[in-house]
Amino acid sequence: MVKKINNLYQCEECFLFYDSKEIAKKCENFCKNNHACNIDIIKHAIKNPKS
């Protein structure tokens, strides 16, 4: 399940952060099913999320 942290959404599989809940869900589903990340999804990740 995607986590919301400081107005960002985190994939609980690879721990990357996204602005969009939908993209974070896509990332998490891909990671779970393939045990890897998808470059077309992770290009939307937030590079340096502030805690």
N, C-alpha and C. Protein backbone atom coordinates (compact mmCIF):
# COMPACT_ATOMS: atom_id res chain seq x y z
N MET A 1 0.84 -1.18 0.00
CA MET A 1 0.00 0.00 0.00
C MET A 1 0.88 1.24 0.00
N VAL A 2 0.56 2.18 -0.84
CA VAL A 2 1.29 3.44 -0.98
C VAL A 2 1.13 4.25 0.30
N LYS A 3 2.23 4.84 0.78
CA LYS A 3 2.20 5.69 1.97
C LYS A 3 2.22 7.15 1.57
N LYS A 4 1.47 7.98 2.30
CA LYS A 4 1.52 9.43 2.10
C LYS A 4 2.39 10.02 3.19
N ILE A 5 3.44 10.71 2.77
CA ILE A 5 4.38 11.34 3.71
C ILE A 5 4.65 12.76 3.22
N ASN A 6 4.31 13.73 4.02
CA ASN A 6 4.55 15.14 3.69
C ASN A 6 4.08 15.50 2.28
N ASN A 7 2.85 15.20 1.97
CA ASN A 7 2.24 15.51 0.67
C ASN A 7 2.87 14.80 -0.52
N LEU A 8 3.67 13.77 -0.27
CA LEU A 8 4.22 12.92 -1.33
C LEU A 8 3.77 11.50 -1.08
N TYR A 9 3.81 10.70 -2.12
CA TYR A 9 3.39 9.30 -2.02
C TYR A 9 4.59 8.41 -2.25
N GLN A 10 4.76 7.42 -1.37
CA GLN A 10 5.93 6.55 -1.42
C GLN A 10 5.55 5.13 -1.80
N CYS A 11 6.27 4.60 -2.76
CA CYS A 11 6.16 3.18 -3.11
C CYS A 11 6.80 2.40 -1.97
N GLU A 12 6.08 1.48 -1.38
CA GLU A 12 6.61 0.72 -0.27
C GLU A 12 7.49 -0.46 -0.70
N GLU A 13 7.63 -0.65 -1.99
CA GLU A 13 8.51 -1.70 -2.50
C GLU A 13 9.93 -1.17 -2.73
N CYS A 14 10.03 -0.03 -3.43
CA CYS A 14 11.37 0.51 -3.75
C CYS A 14 11.65 1.82 -3.00
N PHE A 15 10.66 2.34 -2.29
CA PHE A 15 10.79 3.52 -1.43
C PHE A 15 10.99 4.83 -2.17
N LEU A 16 10.68 4.88 -3.46
CA LEU A 16 10.75 6.14 -4.19
C LEU A 16 9.51 6.98 -3.90
N PHE A 17 9.65 8.30 -4.01
CA PHE A 17 8.56 9.23 -3.74
C PHE A 17 8.02 9.83 -5.03
N TYR A 18 6.70 10.11 -5.04
CA TYR A 18 6.01 10.68 -6.20
C TYR A 18 5.04 11.76 -5.75
N ASP A 19 4.77 12.72 -6.65
CA ASP A 19 3.74 13.73 -6.40
C ASP A 19 2.34 13.14 -6.52
N SER A 20 2.21 12.12 -7.37
CA SER A 20 0.92 11.55 -7.71
C SER A 20 0.72 10.18 -7.04
N LYS A 21 -0.42 10.02 -6.42
CA LYS A 21 -0.76 8.74 -5.81
C LYS A 21 -0.90 7.65 -6.87
N GLU A 22 -1.45 8.02 -8.02
CA GLU A 22 -1.66 7.04 -9.09
C GLU A 22 -0.33 6.49 -9.61
N ILE A 23 0.64 7.37 -9.79
CA ILE A 23 1.95 6.91 -10.28
C ILE A 23 2.64 6.06 -9.21
N ALA A 24 2.51 6.45 -7.96
CA ALA A 24 3.10 5.66 -6.87
C ALA A 24 2.48 4.26 -6.84
N LYS A 25 1.17 4.16 -7.07
CA LYS A 25 0.51 2.85 -7.13
C LYS A 25 1.02 2.02 -8.31
N LYS A 26 1.19 2.67 -9.46
CA LYS A 26 1.72 1.97 -10.63
C LYS A 26 3.11 1.44 -10.34
N CYS A 27 3.92 2.26 -9.70
CA CYS A 27 5.28 1.86 -9.35
C CYS A 27 5.24 0.66 -8.41
N GLU A 28 4.44 0.74 -7.38
CA GLU A 28 4.35 -0.34 -6.41
C GLU A 28 3.87 -1.64 -7.05
N ASN A 29 2.87 -1.56 -7.91
CA ASN A 29 2.37 -2.76 -8.58
C ASN A 29 3.43 -3.37 -9.48
N PHE A 30 4.13 -2.51 -10.23
CA PHE A 30 5.18 -3.03 -11.11
C PHE A 30 6.29 -3.68 -10.28
N CYS A 31 6.72 -3.00 -9.23
CA CYS A 31 7.79 -3.54 -8.38
C CYS A 31 7.41 -4.89 -7.77
N LYS A 32 6.19 -4.99 -7.26
CA LYS A 32 5.73 -6.24 -6.65
C LYS A 32 5.70 -7.38 -7.66
N ASN A 33 5.20 -7.10 -8.86
CA ASN A 33 5.01 -8.15 -9.85
C ASN A 33 6.29 -8.54 -10.58
N ASN A 34 7.26 -7.61 -10.67
CA ASN A 34 8.45 -7.86 -11.47
C ASN A 34 9.75 -7.88 -10.68
N HIS A 35 9.68 -7.53 -9.40
CA HIS A 35 10.87 -7.45 -8.54
C HIS A 35 11.94 -6.56 -9.17
N ALA A 36 11.49 -5.48 -9.80
CA ALA A 36 12.37 -4.51 -10.45
C ALA A 36 11.57 -3.22 -10.67
N CYS A 37 12.30 -2.16 -11.03
CA CYS A 37 11.64 -0.88 -11.32
C CYS A 37 11.49 -0.69 -12.82
N ASN A 38 10.52 0.12 -13.19
CA ASN A 38 10.25 0.44 -14.58
C ASN A 38 10.73 1.88 -14.84
N ILE A 39 11.66 2.05 -15.78
CA ILE A 39 12.24 3.36 -16.06
C ILE A 39 11.18 4.38 -16.46
N ASP A 40 10.13 3.95 -17.13
CA ASP A 40 9.07 4.87 -17.55
C ASP A 40 8.25 5.37 -16.36
N ILE A 41 8.25 4.63 -15.28
CA ILE A 41 7.54 5.05 -14.07
C ILE A 41 8.48 5.86 -13.18
N ILE A 42 9.68 5.37 -12.94
CA ILE A 42 10.57 6.04 -11.98
C ILE A 42 11.10 7.38 -12.48
N LYS A 43 10.94 7.67 -13.76
CA LYS A 43 11.36 8.99 -14.24
C LYS A 43 10.50 10.09 -13.63
N HIS A 44 9.36 9.73 -13.04
CA HIS A 44 8.48 10.69 -12.39
C HIS A 44 8.78 10.84 -10.89
N ALA A 45 9.75 10.09 -10.40
CA ALA A 45 10.07 10.12 -8.96
C ALA A 45 10.64 11.48 -8.57
N ILE A 46 10.42 11.84 -7.31
CA ILE A 46 10.97 13.07 -6.75
C ILE A 46 12.42 12.77 -6.36
N LYS A 47 13.35 13.57 -6.85
CA LYS A 47 14.77 13.28 -6.65
C LYS A 47 15.24 13.45 -5.21
N ASN A 48 14.89 14.54 -4.57
CA ASN A 48 15.35 14.80 -3.20
C ASN A 48 14.19 15.24 -2.32
N PRO A 49 13.34 14.29 -1.91
CA PRO A 49 12.20 14.69 -1.06
C PRO A 49 12.70 15.21 0.28
N LYS A 50 12.10 16.29 0.73
CA LYS A 50 12.47 16.84 2.04
C LYS A 50 11.65 16.16 3.11
N SER A 51 12.30 15.78 4.18
CA SER A 51 11.62 15.07 5.27
C SER A 51 10.86 16.00 6.15
